[in-house]
N, C-alpha and C. Protein backbone atom coordinates (compact mmCIF):
# COMPACT_ATOMS: atom_id res chain seq x y z
N MET A 1 100.21 105.64 121.24
CA MET A 1 99.67 104.99 120.05
C MET A 1 98.17 104.74 120.26
N HIS A 2 97.38 105.06 119.26
CA HIS A 2 95.93 104.88 119.34
C HIS A 2 95.61 103.38 119.51
N PRO A 3 94.58 103.03 120.28
CA PRO A 3 94.24 101.61 120.50
C PRO A 3 94.02 100.81 119.20
N LEU A 4 93.46 101.43 118.16
CA LEU A 4 93.24 100.71 116.90
C LEU A 4 94.58 100.39 116.23
N VAL A 5 95.51 101.32 116.29
CA VAL A 5 96.83 101.12 115.70
C VAL A 5 97.61 100.09 116.51
N SER A 6 97.50 100.18 117.81
CA SER A 6 98.16 99.22 118.69
C SER A 6 97.67 97.79 118.41
N LEU A 7 96.36 97.65 118.16
CA LEU A 7 95.80 96.33 117.84
C LEU A 7 96.37 95.81 116.52
N ALA A 8 96.48 96.66 115.50
CA ALA A 8 97.04 96.25 114.21
C ALA A 8 98.49 95.80 114.39
N LYS A 9 99.26 96.57 115.14
CA LYS A 9 100.68 96.25 115.38
C LYS A 9 100.81 94.91 116.10
N ARG A 10 100.01 94.72 117.15
CA ARG A 10 100.05 93.47 117.91
C ARG A 10 99.68 92.28 117.04
N ALA A 11 98.66 92.46 116.17
CA ALA A 11 98.21 91.37 115.30
C ALA A 11 99.33 90.96 114.34
N VAL A 12 99.98 91.94 113.73
CA VAL A 12 101.06 91.64 112.78
C VAL A 12 102.24 90.98 113.49
N GLU A 13 102.65 91.56 114.61
CA GLU A 13 103.83 91.03 115.31
C GLU A 13 103.59 89.59 115.79
N GLU A 14 102.43 89.32 116.34
CA GLU A 14 102.12 87.97 116.82
C GLU A 14 102.08 86.97 115.65
N TYR A 15 101.51 87.41 114.54
CA TYR A 15 101.39 86.50 113.39
C TYR A 15 102.76 86.25 112.75
N VAL A 16 103.54 87.30 112.55
CA VAL A 16 104.84 87.15 111.90
C VAL A 16 105.79 86.34 112.79
N ARG A 17 105.76 86.59 114.09
CA ARG A 17 106.68 85.89 115.00
C ARG A 17 106.25 84.46 115.30
N HIS A 18 104.93 84.23 115.45
CA HIS A 18 104.47 82.93 115.96
C HIS A 18 103.42 82.25 115.09
N GLY A 19 102.99 82.89 114.00
CA GLY A 19 101.98 82.29 113.14
C GLY A 19 100.62 82.19 113.81
N HIS A 20 100.38 83.04 114.79
CA HIS A 20 99.17 82.98 115.59
C HIS A 20 98.29 84.20 115.33
N VAL A 21 96.99 83.97 115.10
CA VAL A 21 96.03 85.07 114.94
C VAL A 21 95.48 85.42 116.32
N ILE A 22 95.70 86.67 116.74
CA ILE A 22 95.24 87.08 118.07
C ILE A 22 93.72 87.19 118.10
N ASP A 23 93.18 87.13 119.31
CA ASP A 23 91.75 87.36 119.52
C ASP A 23 91.51 88.85 119.70
N PRO A 24 90.31 89.33 119.40
CA PRO A 24 89.99 90.73 119.70
C PRO A 24 90.14 90.98 121.20
N PRO A 25 90.38 92.21 121.60
CA PRO A 25 90.53 92.52 123.02
C PRO A 25 89.29 92.08 123.82
N GLU A 26 89.52 91.63 125.05
CA GLU A 26 88.40 91.21 125.89
C GLU A 26 87.53 92.38 126.31
N ASP A 27 88.16 93.56 126.42
CA ASP A 27 87.42 94.77 126.78
C ASP A 27 87.63 95.81 125.68
N PRO A 28 86.98 95.61 124.51
CA PRO A 28 87.22 96.51 123.38
C PRO A 28 86.67 97.91 123.62
N THR A 29 87.29 98.89 122.97
CA THR A 29 86.76 100.26 123.01
C THR A 29 85.43 100.26 122.25
N PRO A 30 84.57 101.25 122.49
CA PRO A 30 83.30 101.31 121.74
C PRO A 30 83.54 101.29 120.23
N GLN A 31 84.58 101.97 119.77
CA GLN A 31 84.87 102.01 118.34
C GLN A 31 85.21 100.62 117.80
N MET A 32 85.90 99.81 118.60
CA MET A 32 86.27 98.46 118.17
C MET A 32 85.05 97.55 118.02
N ARG A 33 83.96 97.90 118.71
CA ARG A 33 82.74 97.09 118.64
C ARG A 33 81.90 97.40 117.41
N GLU A 34 82.12 98.56 116.79
CA GLU A 34 81.34 98.96 115.62
C GLU A 34 81.62 98.03 114.45
N LYS A 35 80.80 98.16 113.40
CA LYS A 35 81.04 97.44 112.15
C LYS A 35 81.35 98.48 111.08
N ALA A 36 82.47 98.28 110.37
CA ALA A 36 82.85 99.21 109.30
C ALA A 36 83.94 98.57 108.46
N GLY A 37 84.10 99.09 107.25
CA GLY A 37 85.25 98.71 106.45
C GLY A 37 86.49 99.33 107.06
N VAL A 38 87.61 98.63 106.94
CA VAL A 38 88.86 99.08 107.55
C VAL A 38 90.02 98.79 106.60
N PHE A 39 90.92 99.76 106.46
CA PHE A 39 92.17 99.54 105.74
C PHE A 39 93.32 99.66 106.73
N VAL A 40 94.28 98.76 106.63
CA VAL A 40 95.49 98.83 107.44
C VAL A 40 96.67 99.02 106.48
N SER A 41 97.46 100.06 106.75
CA SER A 41 98.64 100.36 105.93
C SER A 41 99.88 100.20 106.78
N LEU A 42 100.89 99.57 106.18
CA LEU A 42 102.18 99.40 106.83
C LEU A 42 103.20 100.19 106.02
N LYS A 43 104.06 100.93 106.72
CA LYS A 43 105.13 101.66 106.05
C LYS A 43 106.45 101.30 106.71
N LYS A 44 107.49 101.29 105.89
CA LYS A 44 108.85 101.06 106.38
C LYS A 44 109.71 102.15 105.78
N ASP A 45 110.40 102.89 106.62
CA ASP A 45 111.24 104.01 106.17
C ASP A 45 110.44 104.97 105.30
N GLY A 46 109.18 105.21 105.66
CA GLY A 46 108.33 106.16 104.95
C GLY A 46 107.72 105.64 103.65
N GLN A 47 108.08 104.41 103.26
CA GLN A 47 107.58 103.83 102.01
C GLN A 47 106.52 102.77 102.31
N LEU A 48 105.50 102.69 101.46
CA LEU A 48 104.46 101.69 101.65
C LEU A 48 105.09 100.30 101.68
N ARG A 49 104.66 99.48 102.65
CA ARG A 49 105.18 98.11 102.80
C ARG A 49 104.06 97.08 102.68
N GLY A 50 102.81 97.57 102.76
CA GLY A 50 101.64 96.70 102.61
C GLY A 50 100.39 97.48 102.94
N CYS A 51 99.31 97.19 102.23
CA CYS A 51 98.04 97.86 102.50
C CYS A 51 96.92 96.95 102.01
N ILE A 52 96.08 96.54 102.93
CA ILE A 52 94.93 95.68 102.60
C ILE A 52 93.74 96.19 103.40
N GLY A 53 92.58 96.12 102.79
CA GLY A 53 91.40 96.54 103.52
C GLY A 53 90.11 96.09 102.87
N THR A 54 89.04 96.48 103.52
CA THR A 54 87.69 96.15 103.08
C THR A 54 86.88 97.43 103.09
N PHE A 55 86.10 97.67 102.01
CA PHE A 55 85.32 98.91 101.99
C PHE A 55 83.98 98.74 102.68
N ALA A 56 83.60 97.51 102.98
CA ALA A 56 82.40 97.23 103.78
C ALA A 56 82.80 96.17 104.80
N PRO A 57 82.13 96.13 105.94
CA PRO A 57 82.52 95.15 106.96
C PRO A 57 82.33 93.71 106.49
N THR A 58 83.31 92.87 106.82
CA THR A 58 83.23 91.44 106.49
C THR A 58 83.27 90.58 107.74
N THR A 59 83.43 91.23 108.89
CA THR A 59 83.49 90.52 110.18
C THR A 59 82.50 91.17 111.14
N ALA A 60 82.47 90.67 112.36
CA ALA A 60 81.49 91.13 113.35
C ALA A 60 81.84 92.48 113.97
N SER A 61 83.12 92.94 113.84
CA SER A 61 83.50 94.17 114.51
C SER A 61 84.72 94.80 113.86
N VAL A 62 84.92 96.09 114.14
CA VAL A 62 86.11 96.79 113.67
C VAL A 62 87.37 96.10 114.20
N ALA A 63 87.35 95.63 115.44
CA ALA A 63 88.52 94.94 116.01
C ALA A 63 88.89 93.73 115.16
N GLU A 64 87.90 92.89 114.81
CA GLU A 64 88.18 91.71 113.99
C GLU A 64 88.64 92.11 112.59
N GLU A 65 88.06 93.17 112.06
CA GLU A 65 88.42 93.66 110.72
C GLU A 65 89.89 94.11 110.73
N ILE A 66 90.31 94.81 111.79
CA ILE A 66 91.69 95.28 111.91
C ILE A 66 92.65 94.09 111.97
N ILE A 67 92.35 93.11 112.79
CA ILE A 67 93.23 91.95 112.94
C ILE A 67 93.40 91.24 111.60
N LYS A 68 92.28 90.97 110.93
CA LYS A 68 92.31 90.27 109.65
C LYS A 68 93.08 91.06 108.59
N ASN A 69 92.79 92.35 108.47
CA ASN A 69 93.41 93.16 107.44
C ASN A 69 94.87 93.51 107.74
N ALA A 70 95.22 93.63 109.01
CA ALA A 70 96.62 93.90 109.38
C ALA A 70 97.49 92.71 108.99
N ILE A 71 97.04 91.51 109.29
CA ILE A 71 97.80 90.31 108.93
C ILE A 71 97.89 90.18 107.42
N ALA A 72 96.78 90.45 106.72
CA ALA A 72 96.79 90.38 105.26
C ALA A 72 97.74 91.43 104.66
N ALA A 73 97.75 92.64 105.22
CA ALA A 73 98.65 93.68 104.72
C ALA A 73 100.11 93.26 104.87
N ALA A 74 100.41 92.55 105.94
CA ALA A 74 101.78 92.12 106.20
C ALA A 74 102.18 90.89 105.39
N THR A 75 101.21 90.08 104.99
CA THR A 75 101.57 88.78 104.41
C THR A 75 100.98 88.50 103.03
N GLN A 76 99.95 89.27 102.60
CA GLN A 76 99.25 88.91 101.37
C GLN A 76 99.14 90.03 100.34
N ASP A 77 99.73 91.19 100.60
CA ASP A 77 99.68 92.25 99.59
C ASP A 77 100.52 91.78 98.41
N PRO A 78 99.90 91.61 97.23
CA PRO A 78 100.65 91.04 96.10
C PRO A 78 101.79 91.91 95.60
N ARG A 79 101.84 93.16 96.02
CA ARG A 79 102.91 94.06 95.57
C ARG A 79 104.21 93.86 96.34
N PHE A 80 104.14 93.12 97.46
CA PHE A 80 105.30 93.02 98.35
C PHE A 80 105.49 91.59 98.84
N ALA A 81 106.74 91.26 99.17
CA ALA A 81 107.01 90.00 99.85
C ALA A 81 106.45 90.09 101.26
N PRO A 82 106.11 88.96 101.88
CA PRO A 82 105.61 89.02 103.26
C PRO A 82 106.62 89.69 104.21
N VAL A 83 106.10 90.39 105.19
CA VAL A 83 106.95 91.04 106.20
C VAL A 83 107.70 89.95 106.98
N GLU A 84 108.98 90.21 107.22
CA GLU A 84 109.79 89.27 107.99
C GLU A 84 110.04 89.83 109.38
N GLU A 85 110.36 88.93 110.30
CA GLU A 85 110.51 89.30 111.71
C GLU A 85 111.52 90.43 111.91
N GLU A 86 112.63 90.42 111.14
CA GLU A 86 113.66 91.46 111.29
C GLU A 86 113.13 92.86 110.96
N GLU A 87 112.06 92.93 110.19
CA GLU A 87 111.52 94.22 109.76
C GLU A 87 110.57 94.85 110.79
N LEU A 88 110.06 94.07 111.71
CA LEU A 88 108.97 94.52 112.58
C LEU A 88 109.30 95.81 113.33
N GLU A 89 110.53 95.96 113.77
CA GLU A 89 110.89 97.15 114.55
C GLU A 89 110.82 98.43 113.73
N SER A 90 110.96 98.33 112.41
CA SER A 90 111.00 99.55 111.58
C SER A 90 109.68 99.82 110.85
N ILE A 91 108.63 99.08 111.19
CA ILE A 91 107.35 99.28 110.51
C ILE A 91 106.45 100.20 111.33
N THR A 92 105.81 101.14 110.63
CA THR A 92 104.80 101.99 111.26
C THR A 92 103.45 101.62 110.65
N TYR A 93 102.40 101.87 111.42
CA TYR A 93 101.06 101.41 111.05
C TYR A 93 100.10 102.59 111.00
N SER A 94 99.12 102.50 110.10
CA SER A 94 97.98 103.39 110.17
C SER A 94 96.73 102.57 109.89
N VAL A 95 95.65 102.99 110.50
CA VAL A 95 94.35 102.31 110.36
C VAL A 95 93.34 103.34 109.90
N ASP A 96 92.65 103.03 108.80
CA ASP A 96 91.59 103.90 108.28
C ASP A 96 90.26 103.18 108.47
N VAL A 97 89.35 103.81 109.20
CA VAL A 97 88.00 103.27 109.37
C VAL A 97 87.09 104.05 108.42
N LEU A 98 86.42 103.32 107.54
CA LEU A 98 85.66 103.95 106.46
C LEU A 98 84.22 104.21 106.84
N SER A 99 83.70 105.34 106.34
CA SER A 99 82.27 105.60 106.46
C SER A 99 81.55 104.76 105.41
N GLU A 100 80.24 104.73 105.49
CA GLU A 100 79.43 104.04 104.49
C GLU A 100 79.60 104.75 103.14
N PRO A 101 79.97 104.02 102.06
CA PRO A 101 80.11 104.67 100.76
C PRO A 101 78.78 105.24 100.27
N GLU A 102 78.86 106.41 99.62
CA GLU A 102 77.65 107.03 99.05
C GLU A 102 77.87 107.30 97.57
N PRO A 103 76.81 107.07 96.75
CA PRO A 103 76.95 107.27 95.31
C PRO A 103 77.24 108.73 94.96
N VAL A 104 78.01 108.92 93.89
CA VAL A 104 78.36 110.24 93.40
C VAL A 104 77.84 110.36 91.97
N THR A 105 77.13 111.43 91.68
CA THR A 105 76.62 111.62 90.31
C THR A 105 77.42 112.65 89.53
N ASP A 106 78.21 113.45 90.24
CA ASP A 106 78.98 114.50 89.58
C ASP A 106 80.38 114.54 90.20
N PRO A 107 81.44 114.49 89.39
CA PRO A 107 82.80 114.55 89.95
C PRO A 107 83.05 115.79 90.83
N LYS A 108 82.22 116.83 90.67
CA LYS A 108 82.37 118.01 91.53
C LYS A 108 82.10 117.68 93.00
N GLU A 109 81.44 116.54 93.26
CA GLU A 109 81.16 116.12 94.63
C GLU A 109 82.37 115.45 95.28
N LEU A 110 83.46 115.29 94.53
CA LEU A 110 84.65 114.62 95.04
C LEU A 110 85.71 115.63 95.45
N ASP A 111 86.55 115.22 96.37
CA ASP A 111 87.71 116.00 96.81
C ASP A 111 88.74 114.98 97.30
N PRO A 112 89.87 114.82 96.59
CA PRO A 112 90.81 113.76 96.94
C PRO A 112 91.44 113.90 98.33
N LYS A 113 91.38 115.09 98.90
CA LYS A 113 91.92 115.27 100.26
C LYS A 113 90.90 114.83 101.31
N LEU A 114 89.62 114.95 100.97
CA LEU A 114 88.53 114.70 101.93
C LEU A 114 87.89 113.33 101.78
N TYR A 115 87.72 112.89 100.52
CA TYR A 115 86.99 111.65 100.24
C TYR A 115 87.87 110.63 99.54
N GLY A 116 87.69 109.36 99.92
CA GLY A 116 88.20 108.27 99.11
C GLY A 116 87.18 107.96 98.05
N VAL A 117 87.57 107.19 97.03
CA VAL A 117 86.64 106.82 95.97
C VAL A 117 86.64 105.32 95.74
N ILE A 118 85.48 104.85 95.29
CA ILE A 118 85.32 103.48 94.83
C ILE A 118 84.73 103.59 93.43
N VAL A 119 85.33 102.89 92.47
CA VAL A 119 84.77 102.84 91.12
C VAL A 119 84.33 101.40 90.87
N VAL A 120 83.17 101.25 90.23
CA VAL A 120 82.61 99.92 90.00
C VAL A 120 82.09 99.84 88.57
N LYS A 121 82.47 98.76 87.89
CA LYS A 121 81.91 98.45 86.58
C LYS A 121 81.75 96.93 86.54
N GLY A 122 80.50 96.48 86.61
CA GLY A 122 80.25 95.05 86.68
C GLY A 122 80.90 94.48 87.93
N LEU A 123 81.76 93.48 87.75
CA LEU A 123 82.44 92.86 88.88
C LEU A 123 83.77 93.54 89.21
N GLN A 124 84.16 94.51 88.40
CA GLN A 124 85.43 95.21 88.62
C GLN A 124 85.23 96.33 89.63
N LYS A 125 86.09 96.34 90.67
CA LYS A 125 86.00 97.38 91.69
C LYS A 125 87.41 97.86 92.02
N GLY A 126 87.53 99.16 92.19
CA GLY A 126 88.79 99.74 92.62
C GLY A 126 88.54 100.79 93.67
N LEU A 127 89.42 100.86 94.66
CA LEU A 127 89.26 101.80 95.76
C LEU A 127 90.55 102.56 95.95
N LEU A 128 90.43 103.84 96.24
CA LEU A 128 91.59 104.65 96.60
C LEU A 128 91.23 105.47 97.83
N LEU A 129 92.09 105.37 98.83
CA LEU A 129 91.88 106.11 100.07
C LEU A 129 92.08 107.60 99.83
N PRO A 130 91.53 108.45 100.69
CA PRO A 130 91.73 109.89 100.54
C PRO A 130 93.07 110.35 101.09
N ASP A 131 93.41 111.58 100.74
CA ASP A 131 94.55 112.29 101.33
C ASP A 131 95.84 111.50 101.19
N LEU A 132 96.09 111.02 99.96
CA LEU A 132 97.33 110.30 99.68
C LEU A 132 98.34 111.25 99.05
N GLU A 133 99.59 111.09 99.43
CA GLU A 133 100.66 111.92 98.89
C GLU A 133 100.74 111.75 97.39
N GLY A 134 100.77 112.86 96.66
CA GLY A 134 100.89 112.82 95.21
C GLY A 134 99.57 112.70 94.46
N VAL A 135 98.47 112.53 95.19
CA VAL A 135 97.15 112.46 94.54
C VAL A 135 96.41 113.75 94.91
N ASP A 136 96.48 114.73 94.00
CA ASP A 136 95.98 116.06 94.32
C ASP A 136 94.74 116.48 93.54
N THR A 137 94.36 115.70 92.52
CA THR A 137 93.20 116.07 91.72
C THR A 137 92.20 114.93 91.66
N VAL A 138 90.95 115.27 91.40
CA VAL A 138 89.89 114.27 91.24
C VAL A 138 90.23 113.36 90.05
N ASP A 139 90.71 113.94 88.94
CA ASP A 139 91.04 113.14 87.77
C ASP A 139 92.10 112.09 88.10
N GLU A 140 93.13 112.49 88.82
CA GLU A 140 94.19 111.56 89.19
C GLU A 140 93.65 110.46 90.11
N GLN A 141 92.82 110.84 91.05
CA GLN A 141 92.24 109.88 91.99
C GLN A 141 91.39 108.84 91.24
N LEU A 142 90.55 109.32 90.33
CA LEU A 142 89.70 108.40 89.56
C LEU A 142 90.54 107.52 88.63
N ARG A 143 91.57 108.09 88.02
CA ARG A 143 92.44 107.33 87.12
C ARG A 143 93.09 106.16 87.86
N ILE A 144 93.62 106.43 89.05
CA ILE A 144 94.29 105.38 89.83
C ILE A 144 93.28 104.33 90.29
N ALA A 145 92.11 104.76 90.75
CA ALA A 145 91.10 103.81 91.21
C ALA A 145 90.65 102.91 90.05
N LYS A 146 90.46 103.50 88.87
CA LYS A 146 90.07 102.70 87.69
C LYS A 146 91.17 101.72 87.32
N MET A 147 92.42 102.17 87.37
CA MET A 147 93.54 101.30 87.05
C MET A 147 93.56 100.10 88.01
N LYS A 148 93.35 100.36 89.31
CA LYS A 148 93.32 99.28 90.30
C LYS A 148 92.20 98.29 90.01
N ALA A 149 91.11 98.78 89.43
CA ALA A 149 89.95 97.92 89.13
C ALA A 149 90.09 97.20 87.80
N GLY A 150 91.09 97.60 87.00
CA GLY A 150 91.21 97.04 85.66
C GLY A 150 90.25 97.66 84.67
N ILE A 151 89.80 98.88 84.98
CA ILE A 151 88.89 99.64 84.11
C ILE A 151 89.73 100.66 83.35
N SER A 152 89.48 100.80 82.06
CA SER A 152 90.22 101.78 81.27
C SER A 152 89.99 103.19 81.85
N PRO A 153 91.06 103.97 82.00
CA PRO A 153 90.90 105.34 82.51
C PRO A 153 90.00 106.20 81.62
N LEU A 154 89.85 105.81 80.36
CA LEU A 154 89.01 106.57 79.43
C LEU A 154 87.54 106.17 79.53
N ASP A 155 87.27 105.09 80.28
CA ASP A 155 85.90 104.56 80.39
C ASP A 155 85.09 105.42 81.35
N GLU A 156 84.10 106.11 80.80
CA GLU A 156 83.25 106.99 81.62
C GLU A 156 82.13 106.20 82.30
N GLU A 157 81.84 105.01 81.76
CA GLU A 157 80.68 104.23 82.21
C GLU A 157 80.99 103.39 83.43
N CYS A 158 81.14 104.03 84.57
CA CYS A 158 81.30 103.25 85.81
C CYS A 158 80.62 104.02 86.94
N GLU A 159 80.22 103.25 87.95
CA GLU A 159 79.62 103.86 89.13
C GLU A 159 80.74 104.41 90.00
N ILE A 160 80.48 105.53 90.64
CA ILE A 160 81.46 106.14 91.53
C ILE A 160 80.82 106.35 92.90
N TYR A 161 81.55 105.98 93.94
CA TYR A 161 81.11 106.18 95.31
C TYR A 161 82.21 106.95 96.04
N ARG A 162 81.81 107.71 97.04
CA ARG A 162 82.79 108.40 97.87
C ARG A 162 82.58 107.96 99.32
N PHE A 163 83.64 108.10 100.09
CA PHE A 163 83.57 107.79 101.51
C PHE A 163 84.60 108.63 102.24
N ARG A 164 84.37 108.79 103.52
CA ARG A 164 85.33 109.47 104.38
C ARG A 164 86.07 108.41 105.20
N VAL A 165 87.19 108.78 105.75
CA VAL A 165 87.87 107.88 106.66
C VAL A 165 88.24 108.63 107.93
N LYS A 166 88.33 107.86 109.00
CA LYS A 166 88.99 108.35 110.21
C LYS A 166 90.32 107.61 110.23
N ARG A 167 91.41 108.38 110.11
CA ARG A 167 92.76 107.79 110.00
C ARG A 167 93.46 107.89 111.35
N TYR A 168 94.01 106.78 111.75
CA TYR A 168 94.74 106.70 113.03
C TYR A 168 96.17 106.25 112.76
N HIS A 169 97.11 106.91 113.43
CA HIS A 169 98.54 106.56 113.27
C HIS A 169 99.09 106.02 114.58
């Protein structure tokens, strides 16, 4: 298991079992010391069980970002009830570390397998990670991101950003 994934798993298990937020590793990998947005996804029996993340860093390091977002994915994703201790053995984890988002002026610059998207209109923001099962076209990717942001899918007037991820399982 990759060290970033192992950290997410340890954070969730410690929090669900004992209500305790772990500290970042004393000897973090160089990647854990970086600053970046991070998404943590939890799956159970191949189905999404929780996913929370940040598209820009909100903490001092990737390690802290993983701990915070892993616990939030397990306990605060509004689509799911909090993860219970009995479920921990059947949960798999993935960690996506995001590149710096870059503005897109033409949808031809997008590729749903390669880039995630962020759509912004005023205070409304929606993000969709890349390479998701069932999301095969730019139109579908933008439609879902707009829906997550509460922006009408027909609304052309929004800013679009793309980003890459390094995904760890």
